[in-house]
């Protein structure tokens, strides 16, 4: 599923796509995908493209939390964050998840 997500996001011009493996970490998902959009409309368009491409392949969308600048998509074992660059920098999810991985190794 990760390959399909990355493929769709790349095809639709998402930037700085990052996949974070959280296998073995006490977190709500096993993997997180983070991608930057070109702006609010692009954020929504990326989400729409994900639904259009993944639902027919049997991927279940358990929920989403949407704003103009940040959409979080719950796909069960995978969480996808679609964010404008400003929000991505402001909330630094990669840093949070990296710290989470380190603290779980202790």
PDB file of N, CA and C in Angstrom:
ATOM      1  N   UNK A   1       0.818  -1.194   0.000  1.00  0.00           N
ATOM      2  CA  UNK A   1       0.000   0.000   0.000  1.00  0.00           C
ATOM      3  C   UNK A   1       0.870   1.269   0.000  1.00  0.00           C
ATOM      4  N   UNK A   2       2.000   1.228   0.691  1.00  0.00           N
ATOM      5  CA  UNK A   2       2.881   2.395   0.744  1.00  0.00           C
ATOM      6  C   UNK A   2       3.336   2.784  -0.659  1.00  0.00           C
ATOM      7  N   UNK A   3       3.720   1.803  -1.460  1.00  0.00           N
ATOM      8  CA  UNK A   3       4.167   2.105  -2.823  1.00  0.00           C
ATOM      9  C   UNK A   3       3.072   2.799  -3.627  1.00  0.00           C
ATOM     10  N   UNK A   4       1.845   2.340  -3.473  1.00  0.00           N
ATOM     11  CA  UNK A   4       0.712   2.947  -4.189  1.00  0.00           C
ATOM     12  C   UNK A   4       0.483   4.388  -3.726  1.00  0.00           C
ATOM     13  N   UNK A   5       0.549   4.613  -2.428  1.00  0.00           N
ATOM     14  CA  UNK A   5       0.357   5.962  -1.877  1.00  0.00           C
ATOM     15  C   UNK A   5       1.420   6.906  -2.422  1.00  0.00           C
ATOM     16  N   UNK A   6       2.674   6.481  -2.346  1.00  0.00           N
ATOM     17  CA  UNK A   6       3.778   7.315  -2.825  1.00  0.00           C
ATOM     18  C   UNK A   6       3.646   7.570  -4.327  1.00  0.00           C
ATOM     19  N   UNK A   7       3.265   6.553  -5.067  1.00  0.00           N
ATOM     20  CA  UNK A   7       3.097   6.690  -6.514  1.00  0.00           C
ATOM     21  C   UNK A   7       2.035   7.736  -6.852  1.00  0.00           C
ATOM     22  N   UNK A   8       0.882   7.665  -6.187  1.00  0.00           N
ATOM     23  CA  UNK A   8      -0.203   8.625  -6.442  1.00  0.00           C
ATOM     24  C   UNK A   8       0.239  10.035  -6.066  1.00  0.00           C
ATOM     25  N   UNK A   9       0.841  10.177  -4.896  1.00  0.00           N
ATOM     26  CA  UNK A   9       1.260  11.506  -4.453  1.00  0.00           C
ATOM     27  C   UNK A   9       2.322  12.095  -5.374  1.00  0.00           C
ATOM     28  N   UNK A  10       3.262  11.270  -5.811  1.00  0.00           N
ATOM     29  CA  UNK A  10       4.301  11.747  -6.720  1.00  0.00           C
ATOM     30  C   UNK A  10       3.706  12.143  -8.070  1.00  0.00           C
ATOM     31  N   UNK A  11       2.812  11.331  -8.575  1.00  0.00           N
ATOM     32  CA  UNK A  11       2.161  11.600  -9.858  1.00  0.00           C
ATOM     33  C   UNK A  11       1.387  12.913  -9.816  1.00  0.00           C
ATOM     34  N   UNK A  12       0.820  13.223  -8.676  1.00  0.00           N
ATOM     35  CA  UNK A  12      -0.003  14.427  -8.540  1.00  0.00           C
ATOM     36  C   UNK A  12       0.777  15.604  -7.952  1.00  0.00           C
ATOM     37  N   UNK A  13       2.086  15.529  -8.059  1.00  0.00           N
ATOM     38  CA  UNK A  13       2.993  16.639  -7.761  1.00  0.00           C
ATOM     39  C   UNK A  13       3.127  17.005  -6.283  1.00  0.00           C
ATOM     40  N   UNK A  14       2.925  16.050  -5.385  1.00  0.00           N
ATOM     41  CA  UNK A  14       3.268  16.296  -3.983  1.00  0.00           C
ATOM     42  C   UNK A  14       4.781  16.407  -3.899  1.00  0.00           C
ATOM     43  N   UNK A  15       5.262  17.131  -2.920  1.00  0.00           N
ATOM     44  CA  UNK A  15       6.701  17.327  -2.780  1.00  0.00           C
ATOM     45  C   UNK A  15       7.190  16.771  -1.449  1.00  0.00           C
ATOM     46  N   UNK A  16       8.479  16.492  -1.395  1.00  0.00           N
ATOM     47  CA  UNK A  16       9.137  16.030  -0.165  1.00  0.00           C
ATOM     48  C   UNK A  16       8.372  14.882   0.507  1.00  0.00           C
ATOM     49  N   UNK A  17       8.065  13.869  -0.271  1.00  0.00           N
ATOM     50  CA  UNK A  17       7.335  12.709   0.256  1.00  0.00           C
ATOM     51  C   UNK A  17       8.277  11.894   1.123  1.00  0.00           C
ATOM     52  N   UNK A  18       7.843  11.638   2.343  1.00  0.00           N
ATOM     53  CA  UNK A  18       8.664  10.880   3.280  1.00  0.00           C
ATOM     54  C   UNK A  18       7.831   9.759   3.890  1.00  0.00           C
ATOM     55  N   UNK A  19       8.429   8.580   3.962  1.00  0.00           N
ATOM     56  CA  UNK A  19       7.791   7.425   4.593  1.00  0.00           C
ATOM     57  C   UNK A  19       8.578   7.112   5.859  1.00  0.00           C
ATOM     58  N   UNK A  20       7.862   7.032   6.968  1.00  0.00           N
ATOM     59  CA  UNK A  20       8.503   6.745   8.254  1.00  0.00           C
ATOM     60  C   UNK A  20       7.988   5.413   8.770  1.00  0.00           C
ATOM     61  N   UNK A  21       8.898   4.474   8.954  1.00  0.00           N
ATOM     62  CA  UNK A  21       8.564   3.137   9.452  1.00  0.00           C
ATOM     63  C   UNK A  21       8.515   3.171  10.978  1.00  0.00           C
ATOM     64  N   UNK A  22       7.362   2.826  11.543  1.00  0.00           N
ATOM     65  CA  UNK A  22       7.188   2.821  12.993  1.00  0.00           C
ATOM     66  C   UNK A  22       6.904   1.417  13.519  1.00  0.00           C
ATOM     67  N   UNK A  23       7.293   0.417  12.751  1.00  0.00           N
ATOM     68  CA  UNK A  23       7.133  -0.973  13.184  1.00  0.00           C
ATOM     69  C   UNK A  23       7.832  -1.159  14.526  1.00  0.00           C
ATOM     70  N   UNK A  24       7.128  -1.714  15.479  1.00  0.00           N
ATOM     71  CA  UNK A  24       7.692  -1.965  16.797  1.00  0.00           C
ATOM     72  C   UNK A  24       7.637  -0.782  17.748  1.00  0.00           C
ATOM     73  N   UNK A  25       7.104   0.338  17.283  1.00  0.00           N
ATOM     74  CA  UNK A  25       6.973   1.534  18.117  1.00  0.00           C
ATOM     75  C   UNK A  25       5.532   1.616  18.599  1.00  0.00           C
ATOM     76  N   UNK A  26       5.344   2.032  19.832  1.00  0.00           N
ATOM     77  CA  UNK A  26       4.000   2.185  20.389  1.00  0.00           C
ATOM     78  C   UNK A  26       3.365   3.448  19.811  1.00  0.00           C
ATOM     79  N   UNK A  27       2.683   3.271  18.683  1.00  0.00           N
ATOM     80  CA  UNK A  27       2.054   4.378  17.967  1.00  0.00           C
ATOM     81  C   UNK A  27       0.809   3.834  17.286  1.00  0.00           C
ATOM     82  N   UNK A  28      -0.049   4.700  16.821  1.00  0.00           N
ATOM     83  CA  UNK A  28      -1.326   4.273  16.258  1.00  0.00           C
ATOM     84  C   UNK A  28      -1.212   3.635  14.878  1.00  0.00           C
ATOM     85  N   UNK A  29      -0.064   3.747  14.250  1.00  0.00           N
ATOM     86  CA  UNK A  29       0.123   3.185  12.912  1.00  0.00           C
ATOM     87  C   UNK A  29       1.515   2.571  12.808  1.00  0.00           C
ATOM     88  N   UNK A  30       1.669   1.690  11.819  1.00  0.00           N
ATOM     89  CA  UNK A  30       2.972   1.076  11.580  1.00  0.00           C
ATOM     90  C   UNK A  30       3.845   1.919  10.660  1.00  0.00           C
ATOM     91  N   UNK A  31       3.190   2.723   9.823  1.00  0.00           N
ATOM     92  CA  UNK A  31       3.929   3.588   8.911  1.00  0.00           C
ATOM     93  C   UNK A  31       3.190   4.911   8.766  1.00  0.00           C
ATOM     94  N   UNK A  32       3.973   5.960   8.532  1.00  0.00           N
ATOM     95  CA  UNK A  32       3.421   7.293   8.320  1.00  0.00           C
ATOM     96  C   UNK A  32       4.005   7.837   7.026  1.00  0.00           C
ATOM     97  N   UNK A  33       3.134   8.412   6.207  1.00  0.00           N
ATOM     98  CA  UNK A  33       3.567   9.076   4.984  1.00  0.00           C
ATOM     99  C   UNK A  33       3.281  10.561   5.169  1.00  0.00           C
ATOM    100  N   UNK A  34       4.284  11.388   4.891  1.00  0.00           N
ATOM    101  CA  UNK A  34       4.130  12.829   4.986  1.00  0.00           C
ATOM    102  C   UNK A  34       4.493  13.415   3.631  1.00  0.00           C
ATOM    103  N   UNK A  35       3.634  14.318   3.147  1.00  0.00           N
ATOM    104  CA  UNK A  35       3.903  14.947   1.855  1.00  0.00           C
ATOM    105  C   UNK A  35       3.488  16.409   1.903  1.00  0.00           C
ATOM    106  N   UNK A  36       4.250  17.235   1.222  1.00  0.00           N
ATOM    107  CA  UNK A  36       3.930  18.660   1.131  1.00  0.00           C
ATOM    108  C   UNK A  36       3.116  18.927  -0.126  1.00  0.00           C
ATOM    109  N   UNK A  37       2.155  19.815   0.032  1.00  0.00           N
ATOM    110  CA  UNK A  37       1.330  20.231  -1.092  1.00  0.00           C
ATOM    111  C   UNK A  37       1.786  21.607  -1.570  1.00  0.00           C
ATOM    112  N   UNK A  38       1.222  22.031  -2.680  1.00  0.00           N
ATOM    113  CA  UNK A  38       1.548  23.351  -3.215  1.00  0.00           C
ATOM    114  C   UNK A  38       0.663  24.447  -2.670  1.00  0.00           C
ATOM    115  N   UNK A  39      -0.256  24.109  -1.790  1.00  0.00           N
ATOM    116  CA  UNK A  39      -1.182  25.085  -1.222  1.00  0.00           C
ATOM    117  C   UNK A  39      -2.475  24.398  -0.806  1.00  0.00           C
ATOM    118  N   UNK A  40      -3.410  25.170  -0.293  1.00  0.00           N
ATOM    119  CA  UNK A  40      -4.645  24.619   0.267  1.00  0.00           C
ATOM    120  C   UNK A  40      -5.437  23.781  -0.754  1.00  0.00           C
ATOM    121  N   UNK A  41      -5.619  24.295  -1.944  1.00  0.00           N
ATOM    122  CA  UNK A  41      -6.381  23.544  -2.962  1.00  0.00           C
ATOM    123  C   UNK A  41      -5.655  22.259  -3.361  1.00  0.00           C
ATOM    124  N   UNK A  42      -4.360  22.333  -3.432  1.00  0.00           N
ATOM    125  CA  UNK A  42      -3.573  21.153  -3.788  1.00  0.00           C
ATOM    126  C   UNK A  42      -3.655  20.105  -2.687  1.00  0.00           C
ATOM    127  N   UNK A  43      -3.686  20.538  -1.424  1.00  0.00           N
ATOM    128  CA  UNK A  43      -3.827  19.604  -0.307  1.00  0.00           C
ATOM    129  C   UNK A  43      -5.100  18.781  -0.478  1.00  0.00           C
ATOM    130  N   UNK A  44      -6.211  19.454  -0.736  1.00  0.00           N
ATOM    131  CA  UNK A  44      -7.491  18.762  -0.923  1.00  0.00           C
ATOM    132  C   UNK A  44      -7.459  17.884  -2.164  1.00  0.00           C
ATOM    133  N   UNK A  45      -6.847  18.361  -3.229  1.00  0.00           N
ATOM    134  CA  UNK A  45      -6.766  17.579  -4.464  1.00  0.00           C
ATOM    135  C   UNK A  45      -5.966  16.291  -4.245  1.00  0.00           C
ATOM    136  N   UNK A  46      -4.884  16.374  -3.496  1.00  0.00           N
ATOM    137  CA  UNK A  46      -4.094  15.172  -3.202  1.00  0.00           C
ATOM    138  C   UNK A  46      -4.935  14.143  -2.459  1.00  0.00           C
ATOM    139  N   UNK A  47      -5.705  14.599  -1.491  1.00  0.00           N
ATOM    140  CA  UNK A  47      -6.587  13.704  -0.743  1.00  0.00           C
ATOM    141  C   UNK A  47      -7.619  13.070  -1.667  1.00  0.00           C
ATOM    142  N   UNK A  48      -8.220  13.878  -2.524  1.00  0.00           N
ATOM    143  CA  UNK A  48      -9.211  13.359  -3.472  1.00  0.00           C
ATOM    144  C   UNK A  48      -8.597  12.315  -4.402  1.00  0.00           C
ATOM    145  N   UNK A  49      -7.379  12.569  -4.880  1.00  0.00           N
ATOM    146  CA  UNK A  49      -6.700  11.609  -5.751  1.00  0.00           C
ATOM    147  C   UNK A  49      -6.405  10.304  -5.017  1.00  0.00           C
ATOM    148  N   UNK A  50      -5.985  10.404  -3.762  1.00  0.00           N
ATOM    149  CA  UNK A  50      -5.747   9.186  -2.978  1.00  0.00           C
ATOM    150  C   UNK A  50      -7.006   8.342  -2.892  1.00  0.00           C
ATOM    151  N   UNK A  51      -8.132   8.972  -2.572  1.00  0.00           N
ATOM    152  CA  UNK A  51      -9.396   8.231  -2.475  1.00  0.00           C
ATOM    153  C   UNK A  51      -9.758   7.609  -3.814  1.00  0.00           C
ATOM    154  N   UNK A  52      -9.632   8.377  -4.880  1.00  0.00           N
ATOM    155  CA  UNK A  52     -10.008   7.903  -6.216  1.00  0.00           C
ATOM    156  C   UNK A  52      -9.172   6.694  -6.642  1.00  0.00           C
ATOM    157  N   UNK A  53      -7.883   6.717  -6.326  1.00  0.00           N
ATOM    158  CA  UNK A  53      -6.987   5.651  -6.759  1.00  0.00           C
ATOM    159  C   UNK A  53      -6.954   4.444  -5.814  1.00  0.00           C
ATOM    160  N   UNK A  54      -7.091   4.669  -4.515  1.00  0.00           N
ATOM    161  CA  UNK A  54      -6.903   3.580  -3.556  1.00  0.00           C
ATOM    162  C   UNK A  54      -8.179   2.828  -3.195  1.00  0.00           C
ATOM    163  N   UNK A  55      -9.308   3.516  -3.147  1.00  0.00           N
ATOM    164  CA  UNK A  55     -10.550   2.829  -2.769  1.00  0.00           C
ATOM    165  C   UNK A  55     -10.893   1.681  -3.713  1.00  0.00           C
ATOM    166  N   UNK A  56     -10.762   1.857  -5.035  1.00  0.00           N
ATOM    167  CA  UNK A  56     -11.056   0.735  -5.929  1.00  0.00           C
ATOM    168  C   UNK A  56     -10.113  -0.458  -5.738  1.00  0.00           C
ATOM    169  N   UNK A  57      -8.976  -0.228  -5.116  1.00  0.00           N
ATOM    170  CA  UNK A  57      -8.013  -1.304  -4.865  1.00  0.00           C
ATOM    171  C   UNK A  57      -8.244  -1.955  -3.505  1.00  0.00           C
ATOM    172  N   UNK A  58      -9.337  -1.568  -2.844  1.00  0.00           N
ATOM    173  CA  UNK A  58      -9.695  -2.192  -1.575  1.00  0.00           C
ATOM    174  C   UNK A  58      -9.127  -1.533  -0.341  1.00  0.00           C
ATOM    175  N   UNK A  59      -8.460  -0.413  -0.492  1.00  0.00           N
ATOM    176  CA  UNK A  59      -7.916   0.292   0.673  1.00  0.00           C
ATOM    177  C   UNK A  59      -9.077   0.977   1.395  1.00  0.00           C
ATOM    178  N   UNK A  60      -9.154   0.721   2.694  1.00  0.00           N
ATOM    179  CA  UNK A  60     -10.239   1.294   3.495  1.00  0.00           C
ATOM    180  C   UNK A  60      -9.781   2.590   4.144  1.00  0.00           C
ATOM    181  N   UNK A  61     -10.588   3.620   3.982  1.00  0.00           N
ATOM    182  CA  UNK A  61     -10.345   4.910   4.611  1.00  0.00           C
ATOM    183  C   UNK A  61     -11.163   4.952   5.892  1.00  0.00           C
ATOM    184  N   UNK A  62     -10.475   4.888   7.037  1.00  0.00           N
ATOM    185  CA  UNK A  62     -11.159   4.828   8.326  1.00  0.00           C
ATOM    186  C   UNK A  62     -11.591   6.196   8.811  1.00  0.00           C
ATOM    187  N   UNK A  63     -10.982   7.229   8.306  1.00  0.00           N
ATOM    188  CA  UNK A  63     -11.343   8.581   8.705  1.00  0.00           C
ATOM    189  C   UNK A  63     -10.321   9.577   8.228  1.00  0.00           C
ATOM    190  N   UNK A  64     -10.697  10.839   8.365  1.00  0.00           N
ATOM    191  CA  UNK A  64      -9.769  11.909   8.010  1.00  0.00           C
ATOM    192  C   UNK A  64     -10.115  13.134   8.846  1.00  0.00           C
ATOM    193  N   UNK A  65      -9.133  13.968   9.024  1.00  0.00           N
ATOM    194  CA  UNK A  65      -9.301  15.250   9.692  1.00  0.00           C
ATOM    195  C   UNK A  65      -8.787  16.275   8.698  1.00  0.00           C
ATOM    196  N   UNK A  66      -9.660  17.192   8.291  1.00  0.00           N
ATOM    197  CA  UNK A  66      -9.322  18.068   7.178  1.00  0.00           C
ATOM    198  C   UNK A  66      -9.371  19.544   7.537  1.00  0.00           C
ATOM    199  N   UNK A  67      -8.361  20.260   7.083  1.00  0.00           N
ATOM    200  CA  UNK A  67      -8.371  21.721   7.072  1.00  0.00           C
ATOM    201  C   UNK A  67      -7.749  22.129   5.746  1.00  0.00           C
ATOM    202  N   UNK A  68      -7.715  23.407   5.471  1.00  0.00           N
ATOM    203  CA  UNK A  68      -7.131  23.852   4.198  1.00  0.00           C
ATOM    204  C   UNK A  68      -5.645  23.543   4.093  1.00  0.00           C
ATOM    205  N   UNK A  69      -4.968  23.538   5.228  1.00  0.00           N
ATOM    206  CA  UNK A  69      -3.518  23.412   5.208  1.00  0.00           C
ATOM    207  C   UNK A  69      -2.977  22.053   5.617  1.00  0.00           C
ATOM    208  N   UNK A  70      -3.846  21.184   6.160  1.00  0.00           N
ATOM    209  CA  UNK A  70      -3.366  19.904   6.674  1.00  0.00           C
ATOM    210  C   UNK A  70      -4.505  18.903   6.672  1.00  0.00           C
ATOM    211  N   UNK A  71      -4.291  17.786   6.029  1.00  0.00           N
ATOM    212  CA  UNK A  71      -5.256  16.689   6.047  1.00  0.00           C
ATOM    213  C   UNK A  71      -4.540  15.452   6.574  1.00  0.00           C
ATOM    214  N   UNK A  72      -5.149  14.815   7.570  1.00  0.00           N
ATOM    215  CA  UNK A  72      -4.632  13.572   8.126  1.00  0.00           C
ATOM    216  C   UNK A  72      -5.584  12.465   7.693  1.00  0.00           C
ATOM    217  N   UNK A  73      -5.040  11.411   7.101  1.00  0.00           N
ATOM    218  CA  UNK A  73      -5.845  10.311   6.579  1.00  0.00           C
ATOM    219  C   UNK A  73      -5.480   9.031   7.331  1.00  0.00           C
ATOM    220  N   UNK A  74      -6.484   8.387   7.901  1.00  0.00           N
ATOM    221  CA  UNK A  74      -6.288   7.140   8.637  1.00  0.00           C
ATOM    222  C   UNK A  74      -6.627   5.970   7.727  1.00  0.00           C
ATOM    223  N   UNK A  75      -5.600   5.201   7.379  1.00  0.00           N
ATOM    224  CA  UNK A  75      -5.772   4.015   6.538  1.00  0.00           C
ATOM    225  C   UNK A  75      -5.503   2.739   7.342  1.00  0.00           C
ATOM    226  N   UNK A  76      -5.673   2.836   8.649  1.00  0.00           N
ATOM    227  CA  UNK A  76      -5.423   1.680   9.507  1.00  0.00           C
ATOM    228  C   UNK A  76      -3.977   1.623   9.933  1.00  0.00           C
ATOM    229  N   UNK A  77      -3.204   0.778   9.294  1.00  0.00           N
ATOM    230  CA  UNK A  77      -1.783   0.636   9.647  1.00  0.00           C
ATOM    231  C   UNK A  77      -0.922   1.756   9.070  1.00  0.00           C
ATOM    232  N   UNK A  78      -1.534   2.601   8.249  1.00  0.00           N
ATOM    233  CA  UNK A  78      -0.811   3.723   7.639  1.00  0.00           C
ATOM    234  C   UNK A  78      -1.585   5.018   7.898  1.00  0.00           C
ATOM    235  N   UNK A  79      -0.860   6.042   8.324  1.00  0.00           N
ATOM    236  CA  UNK A  79      -1.416   7.385   8.469  1.00  0.00           C
ATOM    237  C   UNK A  79      -0.732   8.265   7.432  1.00  0.00           C
ATOM    238  N   UNK A  80      -1.521   9.078   6.716  1.00  0.00           N
ATOM    239  CA  UNK A  80      -0.973   9.976   5.705  1.00  0.00           C
ATOM    240  C   UNK A  80      -1.237  11.417   6.144  1.00  0.00           C
ATOM    241  N   UNK A  81      -0.187  12.224   6.127  1.00  0.00           N
ATOM    242  CA  UNK A  81      -0.290  13.651   6.421  1.00  0.00           C
ATOM    243  C   UNK A  81      -0.013  14.414   5.133  1.00  0.00           C
ATOM    244  N   UNK A  82      -0.986  15.178   4.679  1.00  0.00           N
ATOM    245  CA  UNK A  82      -0.837  16.047   3.517  1.00  0.00           C
ATOM    246  C   UNK A  82      -0.849  17.467   4.039  1.00  0.00           C
ATOM    247  N   UNK A  83       0.244  18.200   3.844  1.00  0.00           N
ATOM    248  CA  UNK A  83       0.396  19.499   4.493  1.00  0.00           C
ATOM    249  C   UNK A  83       0.996  20.545   3.569  1.00  0.00           C
ATOM    250  N   UNK A  84       0.591  21.790   3.793  1.00  0.00           N
ATOM    251  CA  UNK A  84       1.301  22.868   3.116  1.00  0.00           C
ATOM    252  C   UNK A  84       2.698  22.948   3.735  1.00  0.00           C
ATOM    253  N   UNK A  85       3.672  23.450   3.005  1.00  0.00           N
ATOM    254  CA  UNK A  85       5.025  23.536   3.550  1.00  0.00           C
ATOM    255  C   UNK A  85       5.099  24.321   4.870  1.00  0.00           C
ATOM    256  N   UNK A  86       4.328  25.383   4.991  1.00  0.00           N
ATOM    257  CA  UNK A  86       4.359  26.184   6.223  1.00  0.00           C
ATOM    258  C   UNK A  86       3.891  25.364   7.419  1.00  0.00           C
ATOM    259  N   UNK A  87       2.819  24.582   7.237  1.00  0.00           N
ATOM    260  CA  UNK A  87       2.335  23.743   8.330  1.00  0.00           C
ATOM    261  C   UNK A  87       3.309  22.618   8.630  1.00  0.00           C
ATOM    262  N   UNK A  88       3.893  22.078   7.610  1.00  0.00           N
ATOM    263  CA  UNK A  88       4.850  20.992   7.823  1.00  0.00           C
ATOM    264  C   UNK A  88       6.047  21.479   8.642  1.00  0.00           C
ATOM    265  N   UNK A  89       6.515  22.663   8.343  1.00  0.00           N
ATOM    266  CA  UNK A  89       7.635  23.228   9.101  1.00  0.00           C
ATOM    267  C   UNK A  89       7.188  23.579  10.516  1.00  0.00           C
ATOM    268  N   UNK A  90       6.009  24.158  10.654  1.00  0.00           N
ATOM    269  CA  UNK A  90       5.512  24.588  11.963  1.00  0.00           C
ATOM    270  C   UNK A  90       5.333  23.415  12.926  1.00  0.00           C
ATOM    271  N   UNK A  91       4.764  22.297  12.440  1.00  0.00           N
ATOM    272  CA  UNK A  91       4.440  21.180  13.324  1.00  0.00           C
ATOM    273  C   UNK A  91       5.504  20.093  13.390  1.00  0.00           C
ATOM    274  N   UNK A  92       6.445  20.096  12.493  1.00  0.00           N
ATOM    275  CA  UNK A  92       7.626  19.216  12.538  1.00  0.00           C
ATOM    276  C   UNK A  92       7.291  17.778  12.934  1.00  0.00           C
ATOM    277  N   UNK A  93       6.386  17.164  12.206  1.00  0.00           N
ATOM    278  CA  UNK A  93       5.966  15.799  12.528  1.00  0.00           C
ATOM    279  C   UNK A  93       7.124  14.815  12.398  1.00  0.00           C
ATOM    280  N   UNK A  94       7.981  15.010  11.413  1.00  0.00           N
ATOM    281  CA  UNK A  94       9.117  14.115  11.258  1.00  0.00           C
ATOM    282  C   UNK A  94       9.970  14.088  12.526  1.00  0.00           C
ATOM    283  N   UNK A  95      10.182  15.258  13.112  1.00  0.00           N
ATOM    284  CA  UNK A  95      10.974  15.351  14.337  1.00  0.00           C
ATOM    285  C   UNK A  95      10.271  14.611  15.484  1.00  0.00           C
ATOM    286  N   UNK A  96       8.976  14.824  15.608  1.00  0.00           N
ATOM    287  CA  UNK A  96       8.198  14.142  16.657  1.00  0.00           C
ATOM    288  C   UNK A  96       8.301  12.628  16.510  1.00  0.00           C
ATOM    289  N   UNK A  97       8.106  12.132  15.287  1.00  0.00           N
ATOM    290  CA  UNK A  97       8.143  10.692  15.066  1.00  0.00           C
ATOM    291  C   UNK A  97       9.546  10.126  15.259  1.00  0.00           C
ATOM    292  N   UNK A  98      10.552  10.882  14.883  1.00  0.00           N
ATOM    293  CA  UNK A  98      11.931  10.451  15.108  1.00  0.00           C
ATOM    294  C   UNK A  98      12.208  10.338  16.599  1.00  0.00           C
ATOM    295  N   UNK A  99      11.773  11.320  17.371  1.00  0.00           N
ATOM    296  CA  UNK A  99      11.932  11.279  18.829  1.00  0.00           C
ATOM    297  C   UNK A  99      11.173  10.111  19.424  1.00  0.00           C
ATOM    298  N   UNK A 100      10.008   9.823  18.891  1.00  0.00           N
ATOM    299  CA  UNK A 100       9.191   8.710  19.361  1.00  0.00           C
ATOM    300  C   UNK A 100       9.911   7.382  19.133  1.00  0.00           C
ATOM    301  N   UNK A 101      10.533   7.235  17.972  1.00  0.00           N
ATOM    302  CA  UNK A 101      11.283   6.016  17.669  1.00  0.00           C
ATOM    303  C   UNK A 101      12.444   5.839  18.631  1.00  0.00           C
ATOM    304  N   UNK A 102      13.150   6.940  18.909  1.00  0.00           N
ATOM    305  CA  UNK A 102      14.300   6.885  19.817  1.00  0.00           C
ATOM    306  C   UNK A 102      13.847   6.533  21.227  1.00  0.00           C
ATOM    307  N   UNK A 103      12.779   7.147  21.711  1.00  0.00           N
ATOM    308  CA  UNK A 103      12.327   6.894  23.085  1.00  0.00           C
ATOM    309  C   UNK A 103      11.802   5.478  23.253  1.00  0.00           C
ATOM    310  N   UNK A 104      11.330   4.848  22.195  1.00  0.00           N
ATOM    311  CA  UNK A 104      10.839   3.479  22.272  1.00  0.00           C
ATOM    312  C   UNK A 104      11.968   2.453  22.277  1.00  0.00           C
ATOM    313  N   UNK A 105      13.165   2.875  21.938  1.00  0.00           N
ATOM    314  CA  UNK A 105      14.317   1.951  21.940  1.00  0.00           C
ATOM    315  C   UNK A 105      14.927   1.822  23.323  1.00  0.00           C
ATOM    316  N   UNK A 106      14.641   2.784  24.178  1.00  0.00           N
ATOM    317  CA  UNK A 106      15.250   2.793  25.517  1.00  0.00           C
ATOM    318  C   UNK A 106      14.710   1.674  26.360  1.00  0.00           C
TER     319      UNK A 106
END
